Amino acid sequence: MRNGDWHHLEDPFAEVLSFTGQVTPAEGAKLLVPVRPSVLIGLSHNRPGNKHPLPVQAWHKSVHTVANPEDNVKLTQDVGVVHVEGELAVVMRKRATGLTAEDVSDHVLGYTVANDVTNADQGLIDEKLFQAKAGINYTPLGPWIETEIKDPEKVSITVNVNGHVRAESGSFNLLTSVVDCLVYVTRWTTLEPGDIVMTGAPGTFAAVIPGDCVEISLGGIGTLTPIFHEGR
């Protein structure tokens, strides 16, 4: 963003950024998902006061659930309670495997807002989270990638439903820190540029029904505003 306009980049993952010369006025522009990851990873049990017998665990969410910041989310019918979950999402800048705490920041492009929509009741019968995390547009991301977050461990998260605050917390309440999440994930798999790690919901969830308007805001980044509709 420069002087109220969006300036298009040649390659957002390049070591030295260069611009195409194309400019889009910010006013009236429709924001699309800021990145299309090849891999989308979530983290379970990463919340304050976790009493689960297992430690923090990573899982894959289908990249086909990724949606634009203001896309409508179609709630899956007849699956029980559905939650929105406000999370800090890490966007990788370059290939990462076997990271240490010291070199995490050099591999991160920036951070964005994730709404990890979840068929909450399905988690009781679906330990792999396939049914729990599946749905049309179940992962709104955006509104952009913030590259100047000084400390990802101090990002506030607020969940509003229909204008009412339903949850307030932040990455400072995660059981496992953002840095340690990336160390853990890259111990087991390689992440490529544009891949995303959702770091978990530190109490930042709320039940929703069709017609609800949800705002998930992360301090220093921005706000997602999807509307929920009845799906298939």
Protein backbone atom coordinates (compact mmCIF):
# COMPACT_ATOMS: atom_id res chain seq x y z
CA MET A 1 0.00 0.00 0.00
CA ARG A 2 1.42 3.37 -1.06
CA ASN A 3 -0.47 6.66 -0.88
CA GLY A 4 -3.82 4.92 -0.77
CA ASP A 5 -3.12 2.59 -3.72
CA TRP A 6 -2.13 -1.06 -4.05
CA HIS A 7 1.11 -1.47 -5.99
CA HIS A 8 1.52 -4.92 -7.53
CA LEU A 9 4.65 -6.96 -6.83
CA GLU A 10 6.57 -9.12 -9.26
CA ASP A 11 7.24 -11.78 -6.62
CA PRO A 12 6.28 -11.26 -2.95
CA PHE A 13 8.69 -14.03 -1.91
CA ALA A 14 11.78 -12.56 -3.57
CA GLU A 15 14.76 -11.49 -1.48
CA VAL A 16 14.58 -8.03 -3.11
CA LEU A 17 11.10 -6.80 -3.97
CA SER A 18 10.29 -5.27 -7.35
CA PHE A 19 7.02 -3.85 -8.70
CA THR A 20 5.18 -4.53 -11.95
CA GLY A 21 4.03 -0.95 -12.38
CA GLN A 22 0.38 -1.95 -12.11
CA VAL A 23 -1.57 0.05 -9.51
CA THR A 24 -5.05 -0.60 -8.07
CA PRO A 25 -6.83 2.16 -6.12
CA ALA A 26 -7.62 0.92 -2.61
CA GLU A 27 -11.04 2.57 -2.60
CA GLY A 28 -13.58 0.16 -4.01
CA ALA A 29 -11.07 -2.65 -4.48
CA LYS A 30 -12.15 -6.20 -3.66
CA LEU A 31 -9.50 -7.89 -1.56
CA LEU A 32 -8.71 -11.46 -2.56
CA VAL A 33 -7.02 -14.06 -0.38
CA PRO A 34 -3.45 -12.74 -0.05
CA VAL A 35 -1.82 -16.12 -0.71
CA ARG A 36 -2.86 -19.52 -2.07
CA PRO A 37 -0.90 -22.01 0.03
CA SER A 38 0.10 -25.44 -1.21
CA VAL A 39 0.11 -26.60 2.41
CA LEU A 40 -2.22 -25.37 5.17
CA ILE A 41 -1.39 -26.59 8.66
CA GLY A 42 -3.32 -26.17 11.89
CA LEU A 43 -2.35 -26.88 15.48
CA SER A 44 -4.54 -28.67 18.01
CA HIS A 45 -4.43 -28.34 21.80
CA ASN A 46 -2.57 -25.01 21.58
CA ARG A 47 -4.69 -23.09 24.05
CA PRO A 48 -4.39 -21.83 27.62
CA GLY A 49 -5.26 -24.32 30.33
CA ASN A 50 -5.06 -27.24 27.92
CA LYS A 51 -5.98 -30.47 29.71
CA HIS A 52 -5.76 -32.74 26.70
CA PRO A 53 -3.60 -35.82 27.35
CA LEU A 54 -1.61 -35.16 24.17
CA PRO A 55 0.74 -32.23 23.50
CA VAL A 56 0.26 -29.72 20.70
CA GLN A 57 -0.30 -31.58 17.43
CA ALA A 58 -0.18 -30.45 13.81
CA TRP A 59 -2.75 -31.47 11.20
CA HIS A 60 -3.43 -30.69 7.55
CA LYS A 61 -6.49 -28.71 6.46
CA SER A 62 -7.56 -28.88 2.84
CA VAL A 63 -6.32 -25.91 0.82
CA HIS A 64 -9.65 -26.07 -1.01
CA THR A 65 -11.24 -24.52 2.09
CA VAL A 66 -9.25 -21.27 1.65
CA ALA A 67 -11.50 -18.26 0.96
CA ASN A 68 -11.26 -14.52 0.33
CA PRO A 69 -11.57 -12.17 3.34
CA GLU A 70 -15.22 -11.30 2.71
CA ASP A 71 -16.46 -14.49 1.04
CA ASN A 72 -19.62 -16.12 2.31
CA VAL A 73 -19.01 -19.25 4.38
CA LYS A 74 -21.47 -22.07 3.78
CA LEU A 75 -22.13 -23.89 7.03
CA THR A 76 -22.34 -27.64 6.63
CA GLN A 77 -25.80 -28.85 7.63
CA ASP A 78 -26.68 -31.48 10.22
CA VAL A 79 -23.19 -31.74 11.75
CA GLY A 80 -23.87 -30.12 15.12
CA VAL A 81 -22.35 -26.92 16.48
CA VAL A 82 -20.08 -24.91 14.18
CA HIS A 83 -17.38 -22.65 15.59
CA VAL A 84 -15.38 -19.80 14.17
CA GLU A 85 -11.82 -19.71 15.49
CA GLY A 86 -9.72 -16.57 15.25
CA GLU A 87 -6.04 -17.38 14.77
CA LEU A 88 -2.71 -15.82 13.89
CA ALA A 89 -1.51 -17.41 10.63
CA VAL A 90 2.15 -17.47 9.63
CA VAL A 91 3.02 -17.13 5.93
CA MET A 92 6.36 -18.65 4.91
CA ARG A 93 8.80 -16.70 2.75
CA LYS A 94 11.17 -19.49 1.75
CA ARG A 95 11.68 -23.21 2.08
CA ALA A 96 11.86 -24.25 5.71
CA THR A 97 12.88 -27.57 7.20
CA GLY A 98 14.36 -28.35 10.57
CA LEU A 99 14.14 -24.76 11.77
CA THR A 100 15.64 -23.62 15.04
CA ALA A 101 14.24 -20.80 17.15
CA GLU A 102 17.11 -18.59 15.96
CA ASP A 103 16.37 -18.85 12.23
CA VAL A 104 12.56 -18.87 12.22
CA SER A 105 12.16 -15.14 11.54
CA ASP A 106 14.37 -15.30 8.43
CA HIS A 107 11.96 -17.82 6.88
CA VAL A 108 8.73 -15.93 7.59
CA LEU A 109 7.22 -13.50 5.08
CA GLY A 110 4.60 -12.16 7.45
CA TYR A 111 1.34 -12.77 9.24
CA THR A 112 -2.33 -12.74 8.37
CA VAL A 113 -5.71 -13.40 9.99
CA ALA A 114 -7.20 -16.89 9.78
CA ASN A 115 -10.73 -17.97 10.58
CA ASP A 116 -10.42 -21.71 11.15
CA VAL A 117 -14.11 -22.62 10.81
CA THR A 118 -14.77 -25.91 12.57
CA ASN A 119 -17.61 -28.43 12.80
CA ALA A 120 -16.95 -28.62 16.53
CA ASP A 121 -19.14 -31.60 17.40
CA GLN A 122 -17.49 -33.70 14.71
CA GLY A 123 -14.24 -33.57 16.67
CA LEU A 124 -15.77 -36.01 19.16
CA ILE A 125 -15.99 -38.74 16.49
CA ASP A 126 -13.27 -37.61 14.08
CA GLU A 127 -9.84 -37.74 15.68
CA LYS A 128 -8.11 -36.91 12.36
CA LEU A 129 -10.19 -33.69 12.01
CA PHE A 130 -11.17 -34.52 8.42
CA GLN A 131 -14.90 -33.97 9.02
CA ALA A 132 -14.37 -31.34 11.70
CA LYS A 133 -12.42 -29.02 9.41
CA ALA A 134 -14.17 -29.62 6.08
CA GLY A 135 -16.61 -27.20 4.47
CA ILE A 136 -17.05 -24.66 1.68
CA ASN A 137 -14.92 -21.57 2.37
CA TYR A 138 -14.03 -22.89 5.83
CA THR A 139 -10.73 -20.97 5.97
CA PRO A 140 -11.11 -17.25 5.21
CA LEU A 141 -7.68 -15.59 5.15
CA GLY A 142 -6.61 -11.95 4.95
CA PRO A 143 -7.16 -9.15 4.59
CA TRP A 144 -3.47 -8.95 3.64
CA ILE A 145 -0.05 -10.16 4.79
CA GLU A 146 1.48 -7.88 7.42
CA THR A 147 5.27 -7.98 7.16
CA GLU A 148 6.12 -5.59 10.00
CA ILE A 149 4.88 -7.37 13.12
CA LYS A 150 7.67 -6.80 15.64
CA ASP A 151 6.67 -9.60 18.01
CA PRO A 152 4.27 -12.34 16.85
CA GLU A 153 3.99 -13.52 20.45
CA LYS A 154 2.09 -10.33 21.39
CA VAL A 155 -0.73 -10.14 18.84
CA SER A 156 -4.22 -9.55 20.22
CA ILE A 157 -7.21 -11.48 18.83
CA THR A 158 -10.85 -10.38 19.08
CA VAL A 159 -13.89 -12.30 17.81
CA ASN A 160 -17.11 -10.35 17.23
CA VAL A 161 -20.41 -11.97 16.21
CA ASN A 162 -23.18 -9.63 15.04
CA GLY A 163 -21.46 -6.68 16.69
CA HIS A 164 -20.91 -8.34 20.06
CA VAL A 165 -17.51 -9.34 21.43
CA ARG A 166 -17.56 -13.10 21.98
CA ALA A 167 -13.89 -13.72 22.69
CA GLU A 168 -10.72 -11.73 23.44
CA SER A 169 -7.24 -13.16 23.83
CA GLY A 170 -4.05 -13.23 21.81
CA SER A 171 -0.99 -15.15 20.70
CA PHE A 172 0.49 -14.35 24.13
CA ASN A 173 -1.90 -16.98 25.53
CA LEU A 174 -0.86 -19.81 23.23
CA LEU A 175 0.45 -22.81 25.14
CA THR A 176 3.21 -23.25 22.56
CA SER A 177 4.73 -20.04 21.19
CA VAL A 178 4.55 -19.05 17.53
CA VAL A 179 8.27 -19.65 17.11
CA ASP A 180 8.12 -23.07 18.77
CA CYS A 181 5.14 -24.00 16.57
CA LEU A 182 7.28 -23.47 13.47
CA VAL A 183 10.20 -25.38 14.98
CA TYR A 184 7.86 -28.27 15.71
CA VAL A 185 6.14 -28.30 12.30
CA THR A 186 9.36 -28.10 10.30
CA ARG A 187 10.85 -30.94 12.30
CA TRP A 188 8.34 -33.22 10.58
CA THR A 189 7.68 -31.60 7.21
CA THR A 190 9.14 -29.07 4.77
CA LEU A 191 7.28 -25.82 4.20
CA GLU A 192 7.54 -23.92 0.93
CA PRO A 193 7.03 -20.21 0.11
CA GLY A 194 3.40 -19.28 0.61
CA ASP A 195 2.58 -22.19 2.89
CA ILE A 196 0.61 -21.31 6.02
CA VAL A 197 0.71 -22.43 9.63
CA MET A 198 -2.32 -21.49 11.73
CA THR A 199 -0.99 -21.26 15.26
CA GLY A 200 -4.12 -22.20 17.21
CA ALA A 201 -7.07 -20.52 18.93
CA PRO A 202 -6.17 -19.32 22.45
CA GLY A 203 -9.78 -19.28 23.60
CA THR A 204 -10.76 -17.25 20.51
CA PHE A 205 -13.75 -19.23 19.29
CA ALA A 206 -17.52 -18.78 19.15
CA ALA A 207 -20.51 -20.74 17.90
CA VAL A 208 -22.25 -19.40 14.78
CA ILE A 209 -25.45 -20.03 12.85
CA PRO A 210 -26.58 -19.06 9.33
CA GLY A 211 -26.98 -15.30 8.98
CA ASP A 212 -24.28 -14.39 11.49
CA CYS A 213 -21.74 -11.72 10.58
CA VAL A 214 -18.34 -12.41 12.12
CA GLU A 215 -15.43 -10.02 12.57
CA ILE A 216 -12.08 -11.47 13.56
CA SER A 217 -9.51 -8.79 14.30
CA LEU A 218 -5.81 -9.21 15.01
CA GLY A 219 -3.87 -6.30 16.44
CA GLY A 220 -1.48 -4.74 13.94
CA ILE A 221 -2.84 -6.81 11.05
CA GLY A 222 -6.52 -6.29 10.24
CA THR A 223 -10.02 -7.75 10.23
CA LEU A 224 -11.83 -10.58 8.45
CA THR A 225 -15.57 -10.11 7.92
CA PRO A 226 -17.20 -13.21 6.42
CA ILE A 227 -20.96 -13.81 6.57
CA PHE A 228 -22.27 -17.30 7.27
CA HIS A 229 -24.94 -18.98 5.18
CA GLU A 230 -26.63 -22.35 5.26
CA GLY A 231 -24.71 -24.79 3.11
CA ARG A 232 -25.29 -28.23 1.70
